[in-house]
Amino acid sequence: MLSLILLPIMAIFIGIISAMLGIGGGAFIVPMLILVPYYSLSPAVASGTSLAAIVFTSASSTLRYMRQRRIDHLLGLFLALTTVPGAFLGSYSKKIIDNHLLGVIFSVFLMFVAVRMFTEKKAVRNWIRRGNLKAIHRKIIDNYGETFIYSVDPRLTPILGLSAGFFSGLLGIGGGSILVPAMNLIIGVPMHLSIATSMFIMVFTSISGTLTNLWLGQVRLDYAVLLAAGVIFGAQIGAHIAAMVSARNLRRIFGVILILTSIRMLLKFIGMMP
């Protein structure tokens, strides 16, 4: 009973972090549902349950970011067109991939996320435009009066969207761990807009992936409801904080947490730890 009460409480903090970083929260929810003895879900069911909770995380934070006017709706819709089929494909792939292999894949993926959190932002996006590809020029003025001017190459969006959607459905994440750095470093979208737009895209990705997981019987509904109760509240707080504070130091702290968690999961699924 205590573990069930703690689930929405932990979800509040996950919702705060998720909305601040635009990462959905699956990187924290899935290990918790797998490693905590009381829950001990299989990787497939844990990722499906996580994705169901992310529906509420993304919807809640998107409402807050819409009020802040920090969502690039045009880019978000472009990416959503490919993230949705990618999420269906990723969710269905869990039926084929062995649970232990899926656990190892997710452990390695967590390491990738941790490295991304530690890595300083670099202007690596210019090399993509050497081929003189046509770009769409964007100008967004948010609710705080800040102006964001940047360009988006629409030819990049299908690749990024499909990749983010596939990993979202496969691993039970929101796809933001791929979308946020891709939009910021590759496409050139400012960080605050990348986070907000990532959460907007996740509304489509998480719903499509969750429908597939429900069809496959890979969602623990009672856990999903308890998680949703916490992340809805936490996402509102996180989106509010993100408008005022840099997430740089927070990323480093959770980078450490993710590295420790990924190592623990990897040892578990290769049979070196219980």
C-alpha atoms as a PDB file:
ATOM      1  CA  MET A   1       0.000   0.000   0.000  1.00  0.00           C
ATOM      2  CA  LEU A   2       2.826   2.407   0.886  1.00  0.00           C
ATOM      3  CA  SER A   3       4.495   1.736  -2.473  1.00  0.00           C
ATOM      4  CA  LEU A   4       1.288   2.683  -4.280  1.00  0.00           C
ATOM      5  CA  ILE A   5       1.086   5.941  -2.317  1.00  0.00           C
ATOM      6  CA  LEU A   6       4.730   6.722  -3.117  1.00  0.00           C
ATOM      7  CA  LEU A   7       4.178   6.210  -6.856  1.00  0.00           C
ATOM      8  CA  PRO A   8       2.305   9.496  -7.527  1.00  0.00           C
ATOM      9  CA  ILE A   9       4.618  11.344  -5.124  1.00  0.00           C
ATOM     10  CA  MET A  10       7.684  10.237  -7.060  1.00  0.00           C
ATOM     11  CA  ALA A  11       5.808  11.036 -10.272  1.00  0.00           C
ATOM     12  CA  ILE A  12       5.489  14.686  -9.200  1.00  0.00           C
ATOM     13  CA  PHE A  13       9.276  15.064  -9.165  1.00  0.00           C
ATOM     14  CA  ILE A  14       9.593  13.157 -12.428  1.00  0.00           C
ATOM     15  CA  GLY A  15       7.002  15.473 -13.973  1.00  0.00           C
ATOM     16  CA  ILE A  16       8.958  18.552 -12.849  1.00  0.00           C
ATOM     17  CA  ILE A  17      12.216  17.288 -14.331  1.00  0.00           C
ATOM     18  CA  SER A  18      10.556  16.035 -17.500  1.00  0.00           C
ATOM     19  CA  ALA A  19       8.829  19.318 -18.287  1.00  0.00           C
ATOM     20  CA  MET A  20      11.997  21.303 -17.526  1.00  0.00           C
ATOM     21  CA  LEU A  21      14.173  19.207 -19.837  1.00  0.00           C
ATOM     22  CA  GLY A  22      11.574  18.154 -22.416  1.00  0.00           C
ATOM     23  CA  ILE A  23      12.455  14.479 -22.046  1.00  0.00           C
ATOM     24  CA  GLY A  24       9.089  12.914 -21.160  1.00  0.00           C
ATOM     25  CA  GLY A  25      10.191  11.087 -18.009  1.00  0.00           C
ATOM     26  CA  GLY A  26      10.514   7.537 -19.295  1.00  0.00           C
ATOM     27  CA  ALA A  27      14.234   7.576 -18.515  1.00  0.00           C
ATOM     28  CA  PHE A  28      13.233   7.694 -14.839  1.00  0.00           C
ATOM     29  CA  ILE A  29       9.891   5.872 -14.803  1.00  0.00           C
ATOM     30  CA  VAL A  30      11.028   2.721 -16.638  1.00  0.00           C
ATOM     31  CA  PRO A  31      14.026   1.941 -14.348  1.00  0.00           C
ATOM     32  CA  MET A  32      11.848   2.614 -11.289  1.00  0.00           C
ATOM     33  CA  LEU A  33       9.161   0.158 -12.438  1.00  0.00           C
ATOM     34  CA  ILE A  34      11.784  -2.468 -13.297  1.00  0.00           C
ATOM     35  CA  LEU A  35      14.244  -2.159 -10.392  1.00  0.00           C
ATOM     36  CA  VAL A  36      12.023  -1.400  -7.364  1.00  0.00           C
ATOM     37  CA  PRO A  37      11.203  -4.859  -5.918  1.00  0.00           C
ATOM     38  CA  TYR A  38       7.537  -4.070  -5.227  1.00  0.00           C
ATOM     39  CA  TYR A  39       6.832  -3.235  -8.884  1.00  0.00           C
ATOM     40  CA  SER A  40       9.304  -5.527 -10.747  1.00  0.00           C
ATOM     41  CA  LEU A  41       7.626  -5.156 -14.132  1.00  0.00           C
ATOM     42  CA  SER A  42       9.125  -6.643 -17.271  1.00  0.00           C
ATOM     43  CA  PRO A  43      10.888  -4.105 -19.530  1.00  0.00           C
ATOM     44  CA  ALA A  44       8.098  -4.361 -22.120  1.00  0.00           C
ATOM     45  CA  VAL A  45       5.284  -3.669 -19.618  1.00  0.00           C
ATOM     46  CA  ALA A  46       7.343  -1.023 -17.795  1.00  0.00           C
ATOM     47  CA  SER A  47       7.967   0.893 -21.023  1.00  0.00           C
ATOM     48  CA  GLY A  48       4.293   0.589 -22.023  1.00  0.00           C
ATOM     49  CA  THR A  49       3.124   1.852 -18.618  1.00  0.00           C
ATOM     50  CA  SER A  50       5.663   4.667 -18.739  1.00  0.00           C
ATOM     51  CA  LEU A  51       4.446   5.792 -22.151  1.00  0.00           C
ATOM     52  CA  ALA A  52       0.857   5.882 -20.875  1.00  0.00           C
ATOM     53  CA  ALA A  53       1.953   8.213 -18.058  1.00  0.00           C
ATOM     54  CA  ILE A  54       3.866  10.388 -20.536  1.00  0.00           C
ATOM     55  CA  VAL A  55       0.563  11.135 -22.309  1.00  0.00           C
ATOM     56  CA  PHE A  56      -0.391  13.181 -19.242  1.00  0.00           C
ATOM     57  CA  THR A  57       3.091  14.670 -18.732  1.00  0.00           C
ATOM     58  CA  SER A  58       3.223  15.972 -22.290  1.00  0.00           C
ATOM     59  CA  ALA A  59      -0.374  17.242 -22.321  1.00  0.00           C
ATOM     60  CA  SER A  60       0.004  19.063 -18.997  1.00  0.00           C
ATOM     61  CA  SER A  61       3.313  20.757 -19.850  1.00  0.00           C
ATOM     62  CA  THR A  62       2.129  21.582 -23.400  1.00  0.00           C
ATOM     63  CA  LEU A  63      -0.780  23.603 -21.983  1.00  0.00           C
ATOM     64  CA  ARG A  64       1.671  25.609 -19.869  1.00  0.00           C
ATOM     65  CA  TYR A  65       4.117  26.131 -22.777  1.00  0.00           C
ATOM     66  CA  MET A  66       1.257  27.227 -25.053  1.00  0.00           C
ATOM     67  CA  ARG A  67       0.464  29.993 -22.577  1.00  0.00           C
ATOM     68  CA  GLN A  68       4.141  30.971 -22.673  1.00  0.00           C
ATOM     69  CA  ARG A  69       4.025  30.954 -26.532  1.00  0.00           C
ATOM     70  CA  ARG A  70       7.229  28.959 -26.728  1.00  0.00           C
ATOM     71  CA  ILE A  71       6.041  26.119 -28.970  1.00  0.00           C
ATOM     72  CA  ASP A  72       6.969  26.068 -32.664  1.00  0.00           C
ATOM     73  CA  HIS A  73       3.713  24.480 -33.806  1.00  0.00           C
ATOM     74  CA  LEU A  74       4.753  24.262 -37.475  1.00  0.00           C
ATOM     75  CA  LEU A  75       7.965  22.364 -36.713  1.00  0.00           C
ATOM     76  CA  GLY A  76       6.123  20.284 -34.117  1.00  0.00           C
ATOM     77  CA  LEU A  77       3.505  19.158 -36.630  1.00  0.00           C
ATOM     78  CA  PHE A  78       6.203  18.373 -39.229  1.00  0.00           C
ATOM     79  CA  LEU A  79       7.995  16.121 -36.726  1.00  0.00           C
ATOM     80  CA  ALA A  80       4.767  14.586 -35.404  1.00  0.00           C
ATOM     81  CA  LEU A  81       3.917  13.301 -38.910  1.00  0.00           C
ATOM     82  CA  THR A  82       6.852  10.880 -38.635  1.00  0.00           C
ATOM     83  CA  THR A  83       7.069  10.347 -34.857  1.00  0.00           C
ATOM     84  CA  VAL A  84       3.588   8.798 -34.782  1.00  0.00           C
ATOM     85  CA  PRO A  85       4.296   5.950 -37.257  1.00  0.00           C
ATOM     86  CA  GLY A  86       7.722   5.568 -35.619  1.00  0.00           C
ATOM     87  CA  ALA A  87       6.048   5.083 -32.226  1.00  0.00           C
ATOM     88  CA  PHE A  88       3.723   2.420 -33.622  1.00  0.00           C
ATOM     89  CA  LEU A  89       6.697   0.603 -35.148  1.00  0.00           C
ATOM     90  CA  GLY A  90       8.745   0.825 -31.939  1.00  0.00           C
ATOM     91  CA  SER A  91       5.883  -0.411 -29.751  1.00  0.00           C
ATOM     92  CA  TYR A  92       5.220  -3.380 -32.015  1.00  0.00           C
ATOM     93  CA  SER A  93       8.945  -4.231 -32.104  1.00  0.00           C
ATOM     94  CA  LYS A  94       8.800  -5.053 -28.382  1.00  0.00           C
ATOM     95  CA  LYS A  95       6.762  -8.124 -29.327  1.00  0.00           C
ATOM     96  CA  ILE A  96       9.746  -9.412 -31.292  1.00  0.00           C
ATOM     97  CA  ILE A  97      12.690  -8.350 -29.100  1.00  0.00           C
ATOM     98  CA  ASP A  98      13.594 -10.465 -26.051  1.00  0.00           C
ATOM     99  CA  ASN A  99      12.975  -8.830 -22.639  1.00  0.00           C
ATOM    100  CA  HIS A 100      16.610  -9.168 -21.558  1.00  0.00           C
ATOM    101  CA  LEU A 101      17.824  -7.672 -24.821  1.00  0.00           C
ATOM    102  CA  LEU A 102      15.341  -4.825 -24.402  1.00  0.00           C
ATOM    103  CA  GLY A 103      16.701  -4.192 -20.901  1.00  0.00           C
ATOM    104  CA  VAL A 104      20.269  -4.010 -22.233  1.00  0.00           C
ATOM    105  CA  ILE A 105      19.170  -1.680 -25.043  1.00  0.00           C
ATOM    106  CA  PHE A 106      17.504   0.634 -22.558  1.00  0.00           C
ATOM    107  CA  SER A 107      20.562   0.614 -20.281  1.00  0.00           C
ATOM    108  CA  VAL A 108      22.788   1.681 -23.153  1.00  0.00           C
ATOM    109  CA  PHE A 109      20.233   4.303 -24.165  1.00  0.00           C
ATOM    110  CA  LEU A 110      20.283   5.761 -20.642  1.00  0.00           C
ATOM    111  CA  MET A 111      24.049   6.160 -20.946  1.00  0.00           C
ATOM    112  CA  PHE A 112      23.509   8.068 -24.177  1.00  0.00           C
ATOM    113  CA  VAL A 113      21.030  10.382 -22.431  1.00  0.00           C
ATOM    114  CA  ALA A 114      23.476  10.931 -19.559  1.00  0.00           C
ATOM    115  CA  VAL A 115      26.297  11.848 -21.948  1.00  0.00           C
ATOM    116  CA  ARG A 116      23.948  14.270 -23.708  1.00  0.00           C
ATOM    117  CA  MET A 117      23.175  15.944 -20.381  1.00  0.00           C
ATOM    118  CA  PHE A 118      26.867  16.383 -19.605  1.00  0.00           C
ATOM    119  CA  THR A 119      27.905  17.571 -23.059  1.00  0.00           C
ATOM    120  CA  GLU A 120      28.178  21.282 -23.629  1.00  0.00           C
ATOM    121  CA  LYS A 121      26.111  22.739 -26.437  1.00  0.00           C
ATOM    122  CA  LYS A 122      28.198  23.231 -29.584  1.00  0.00           C
ATOM    123  CA  ALA A 123      27.352  24.794 -32.904  1.00  0.00           C
ATOM    124  CA  VAL A 124      27.465  21.536 -34.862  1.00  0.00           C
ATOM    125  CA  ARG A 125      24.456  22.292 -37.021  1.00  0.00           C
ATOM    126  CA  ASN A 126      26.193  24.359 -39.731  1.00  0.00           C
ATOM    127  CA  TRP A 127      27.727  21.376 -41.528  1.00  0.00           C
ATOM    128  CA  ILE A 128      24.267  20.128 -42.478  1.00  0.00           C
ATOM    129  CA  ARG A 129      23.578  23.286 -44.461  1.00  0.00           C
ATOM    130  CA  ARG A 130      26.663  23.107 -46.679  1.00  0.00           C
ATOM    131  CA  GLY A 131      24.556  21.471 -49.376  1.00  0.00           C
ATOM    132  CA  ASN A 132      22.515  24.708 -49.718  1.00  0.00           C
ATOM    133  CA  LEU A 133      19.320  22.990 -48.630  1.00  0.00           C
ATOM    134  CA  LYS A 134      16.299  25.277 -48.474  1.00  0.00           C
ATOM    135  CA  ALA A 135      15.377  26.350 -44.975  1.00  0.00           C
ATOM    136  CA  ILE A 136      12.213  27.821 -43.470  1.00  0.00           C
ATOM    137  CA  HIS A 137      12.921  31.005 -41.514  1.00  0.00           C
ATOM    138  CA  ARG A 138      11.164  31.204 -38.168  1.00  0.00           C
ATOM    139  CA  LYS A 139      10.508  34.122 -35.806  1.00  0.00           C
ATOM    140  CA  ILE A 140       8.691  33.543 -32.519  1.00  0.00           C
ATOM    141  CA  ILE A 141       7.962  36.133 -29.828  1.00  0.00           C
ATOM    142  CA  ASP A 142       7.049  34.533 -26.525  1.00  0.00           C
ATOM    143  CA  ASN A 143       4.753  35.761 -23.769  1.00  0.00           C
ATOM    144  CA  TYR A 144       7.718  37.368 -21.969  1.00  0.00           C
ATOM    145  CA  GLY A 145       8.601  39.537 -24.979  1.00  0.00           C
ATOM    146  CA  GLU A 146      11.692  37.512 -25.933  1.00  0.00           C
ATOM    147  CA  THR A 147      12.269  37.083 -29.686  1.00  0.00           C
ATOM    148  CA  PHE A 148      13.657  33.844 -31.178  1.00  0.00           C
ATOM    149  CA  ILE A 149      14.911  33.911 -34.787  1.00  0.00           C
ATOM    150  CA  TYR A 150      16.219  30.738 -36.483  1.00  0.00           C
ATOM    151  CA  SER A 151      15.916  28.591 -39.614  1.00  0.00           C
ATOM    152  CA  VAL A 152      14.578  25.054 -40.025  1.00  0.00           C
ATOM    153  CA  ASP A 153      15.474  22.638 -42.831  1.00  0.00           C
ATOM    154  CA  PRO A 154      12.273  20.610 -43.450  1.00  0.00           C
ATOM    155  CA  ARG A 155      14.233  17.792 -45.112  1.00  0.00           C
ATOM    156  CA  LEU A 156      15.759  16.832 -41.765  1.00  0.00           C
ATOM    157  CA  THR A 157      12.476  16.447 -39.891  1.00  0.00           C
ATOM    158  CA  PRO A 158      11.366  13.020 -41.260  1.00  0.00           C
ATOM    159  CA  ILE A 159      14.611  11.314 -40.163  1.00  0.00           C
ATOM    160  CA  LEU A 160      14.612  12.904 -36.724  1.00  0.00           C
ATOM    161  CA  GLY A 161      10.902  12.323 -36.182  1.00  0.00           C
ATOM    162  CA  LEU A 162      10.980   8.661 -37.225  1.00  0.00           C
ATOM    163  CA  SER A 163      14.000   7.943 -34.993  1.00  0.00           C
ATOM    164  CA  ALA A 164      12.488   9.690 -31.969  1.00  0.00           C
ATOM    165  CA  GLY A 165       9.123   7.953 -32.451  1.00  0.00           C
ATOM    166  CA  PHE A 166      10.685   4.511 -32.812  1.00  0.00           C
ATOM    167  CA  PHE A 167      12.699   4.784 -29.592  1.00  0.00           C
ATOM    168  CA  SER A 168       9.701   6.294 -27.838  1.00  0.00           C
ATOM    169  CA  GLY A 169       7.537   3.275 -28.601  1.00  0.00           C
ATOM    170  CA  LEU A 170      10.320   0.733 -28.067  1.00  0.00           C
ATOM    171  CA  LEU A 171      11.694   2.056 -24.777  1.00  0.00           C
ATOM    172  CA  GLY A 172       8.655   3.746 -23.236  1.00  0.00           C
ATOM    173  CA  ILE A 173      10.154   7.235 -23.341  1.00  0.00           C
ATOM    174  CA  GLY A 174       8.672  10.405 -24.762  1.00  0.00           C
ATOM    175  CA  GLY A 175      11.286  10.813 -27.479  1.00  0.00           C
ATOM    176  CA  GLY A 176      12.531  14.106 -26.057  1.00  0.00           C
ATOM    177  CA  SER A 177      15.948  12.650 -25.247  1.00  0.00           C
ATOM    178  CA  ILE A 178      16.451  12.513 -29.007  1.00  0.00           C
ATOM    179  CA  LEU A 179      14.281  15.425 -30.136  1.00  0.00           C
ATOM    180  CA  VAL A 180      15.604  18.127 -27.802  1.00  0.00           C
ATOM    181  CA  PRO A 181      19.322  17.790 -28.683  1.00  0.00           C
ATOM    182  CA  ALA A 182      18.442  17.167 -32.346  1.00  0.00           C
ATOM    183  CA  MET A 183      16.318  20.306 -32.617  1.00  0.00           C
ATOM    184  CA  ASN A 184      18.825  22.399 -30.681  1.00  0.00           C
ATOM    185  CA  LEU A 185      22.139  21.157 -32.090  1.00  0.00           C
ATOM    186  CA  ILE A 186      21.210  19.925 -35.561  1.00  0.00           C
ATOM    187  CA  ILE A 187      18.236  22.011 -36.674  1.00  0.00           C
ATOM    188  CA  GLY A 188      19.242  25.107 -34.681  1.00  0.00           C
ATOM    189  CA  VAL A 189      16.113  25.705 -32.593  1.00  0.00           C
ATOM    190  CA  PRO A 190      16.787  27.700 -29.366  1.00  0.00           C
ATOM    191  CA  MET A 191      16.904  25.518 -26.257  1.00  0.00           C
ATOM    192  CA  HIS A 192      13.746  26.806 -24.575  1.00  0.00           C
ATOM    193  CA  LEU A 193      11.738  26.360 -27.779  1.00  0.00           C
ATOM    194  CA  SER A 194      13.246  22.895 -28.329  1.00  0.00           C
ATOM    195  CA  ILE A 195      12.027  21.777 -24.902  1.00  0.00           C
ATOM    196  CA  ALA A 196       8.547  23.248 -25.348  1.00  0.00           C
ATOM    197  CA  THR A 197       8.133  21.898 -28.892  1.00  0.00           C
ATOM    198  CA  SER A 198       9.402  18.487 -27.778  1.00  0.00           C
ATOM    199  CA  MET A 199       6.621  18.256 -25.199  1.00  0.00           C
ATOM    200  CA  PHE A 200       4.063  19.267 -27.858  1.00  0.00           C
ATOM    201  CA  ILE A 201       5.288  16.510 -30.199  1.00  0.00           C
ATOM    202  CA  MET A 202       5.175  14.007 -27.342  1.00  0.00           C
ATOM    203  CA  VAL A 203       1.401  14.423 -27.077  1.00  0.00           C
ATOM    204  CA  PHE A 204       1.076  12.709 -30.480  1.00  0.00           C
ATOM    205  CA  THR A 205       3.915  10.220 -29.964  1.00  0.00           C
ATOM    206  CA  SER A 206       2.840   9.017 -26.519  1.00  0.00           C
ATOM    207  CA  ILE A 207      -0.818   8.608 -27.483  1.00  0.00           C
ATOM    208  CA  SER A 208       0.002   6.541 -30.575  1.00  0.00           C
ATOM    209  CA  GLY A 209       2.519   4.400 -28.689  1.00  0.00           C
ATOM    210  CA  THR A 210       0.128   3.890 -25.766  1.00  0.00           C
ATOM    211  CA  LEU A 211      -2.695   2.733 -28.057  1.00  0.00           C
ATOM    212  CA  THR A 212      -0.358   0.135 -29.529  1.00  0.00           C
ATOM    213  CA  ASN A 213       0.803  -0.985 -26.069  1.00  0.00           C
ATOM    214  CA  LEU A 214      -2.804  -1.314 -24.878  1.00  0.00           C
ATOM    215  CA  TRP A 215      -3.563  -3.486 -27.884  1.00  0.00           C
ATOM    216  CA  LEU A 216      -0.521  -5.642 -27.068  1.00  0.00           C
ATOM    217  CA  GLY A 217      -1.473  -5.861 -23.362  1.00  0.00           C
ATOM    218  CA  GLN A 218       1.734  -4.142 -22.255  1.00  0.00           C
ATOM    219  CA  VAL A 219       0.289  -1.457 -19.946  1.00  0.00           C
ATOM    220  CA  ARG A 220      -0.234  -1.785 -16.182  1.00  0.00           C
ATOM    221  CA  LEU A 221      -3.263   0.507 -15.951  1.00  0.00           C
ATOM    222  CA  ASP A 222      -3.350   0.970 -12.154  1.00  0.00           C
ATOM    223  CA  TYR A 223       0.282   2.092 -12.103  1.00  0.00           C
ATOM    224  CA  ALA A 224      -0.296   4.336 -15.130  1.00  0.00           C
ATOM    225  CA  VAL A 225      -3.188   6.124 -13.385  1.00  0.00           C
ATOM    226  CA  LEU A 226      -1.151   6.706 -10.213  1.00  0.00           C
ATOM    227  CA  LEU A 227       1.800   8.002 -12.226  1.00  0.00           C
ATOM    228  CA  ALA A 228      -0.494  10.268 -14.252  1.00  0.00           C
ATOM    229  CA  ALA A 229      -1.870  11.840 -11.059  1.00  0.00           C
ATOM    230  CA  GLY A 230       1.640  12.941 -10.096  1.00  0.00           C
ATOM    231  CA  VAL A 231       3.107  13.934 -13.465  1.00  0.00           C
ATOM    232  CA  ILE A 232       0.183  16.221 -14.368  1.00  0.00           C
ATOM    233  CA  PHE A 233       0.908  18.371 -11.311  1.00  0.00           C
ATOM    234  CA  GLY A 234       4.696  18.122 -11.603  1.00  0.00           C
ATOM    235  CA  ALA A 235       4.736  19.042 -15.299  1.00  0.00           C
ATOM    236  CA  GLN A 236       2.978  22.333 -14.583  1.00  0.00           C
ATOM    237  CA  ILE A 237       5.634  23.236 -12.017  1.00  0.00           C
ATOM    238  CA  GLY A 238       8.501  22.138 -14.273  1.00  0.00           C
ATOM    239  CA  ALA A 239       7.273  24.145 -17.272  1.00  0.00           C
ATOM    240  CA  HIS A 240       6.927  27.218 -15.045  1.00  0.00           C
ATOM    241  CA  ILE A 241      10.462  26.836 -13.675  1.00  0.00           C
ATOM    242  CA  ALA A 242      11.935  26.248 -17.145  1.00  0.00           C
ATOM    243  CA  ALA A 243      10.797  29.707 -18.219  1.00  0.00           C
ATOM    244  CA  MET A 244      12.961  31.322 -15.536  1.00  0.00           C
ATOM    245  CA  VAL A 245      15.965  29.068 -14.866  1.00  0.00           C
ATOM    246  CA  SER A 246      18.666  27.336 -16.880  1.00  0.00           C
ATOM    247  CA  ALA A 247      18.593  23.548 -16.695  1.00  0.00           C
ATOM    248  CA  ARG A 248      22.375  23.155 -17.175  1.00  0.00           C
ATOM    249  CA  ASN A 249      23.305  22.181 -13.602  1.00  0.00           C
ATOM    250  CA  LEU A 250      20.150  20.101 -13.227  1.00  0.00           C
ATOM    251  CA  ARG A 251      21.124  18.104 -16.306  1.00  0.00           C
ATOM    252  CA  ARG A 252      24.508  17.316 -14.790  1.00  0.00           C
ATOM    253  CA  ILE A 253      22.973  16.109 -11.523  1.00  0.00           C
ATOM    254  CA  PHE A 254      20.563  13.815 -13.299  1.00  0.00           C
ATOM    255  CA  GLY A 255      23.293  12.792 -15.694  1.00  0.00           C
ATOM    256  CA  VAL A 256      25.001  11.194 -12.685  1.00  0.00           C
ATOM    257  CA  ILE A 257      21.732   9.555 -11.620  1.00  0.00           C
ATOM    258  CA  LEU A 258      21.134   8.190 -15.112  1.00  0.00           C
ATOM    259  CA  ILE A 259      24.650   6.781 -15.374  1.00  0.00           C
ATOM    260  CA  LEU A 260      24.279   4.953 -12.042  1.00  0.00           C
ATOM    261  CA  THR A 261      20.833   3.683 -13.026  1.00  0.00           C
ATOM    262  CA  SER A 262      21.964   2.513 -16.450  1.00  0.00           C
ATOM    263  CA  ILE A 263      24.925   0.619 -14.969  1.00  0.00           C
ATOM    264  CA  ARG A 264      22.612  -1.034 -12.426  1.00  0.00           C
ATOM    265  CA  MET A 265      20.152  -2.053 -15.148  1.00  0.00           C
ATOM    266  CA  LEU A 266      22.899  -3.316 -17.437  1.00  0.00           C
ATOM    267  CA  LEU A 267      24.357  -5.538 -14.686  1.00  0.00           C
ATOM    268  CA  LYS A 268      20.859  -6.849 -13.928  1.00  0.00           C
ATOM    269  CA  PHE A 269      20.052  -7.847 -17.491  1.00  0.00           C
ATOM    270  CA  ILE A 270      23.417  -9.427 -18.261  1.00  0.00           C
ATOM    271  CA  GLY A 271      22.991 -11.564 -15.141  1.00  0.00           C
ATOM    272  CA  MET A 272      25.709 -10.073 -12.931  1.00  0.00           C
ATOM    273  CA  MET A 273      23.253  -8.691 -10.336  1.00  0.00           C
ATOM    274  CA  PRO A 274      19.803  -9.792  -9.171  1.00  0.00           C
END
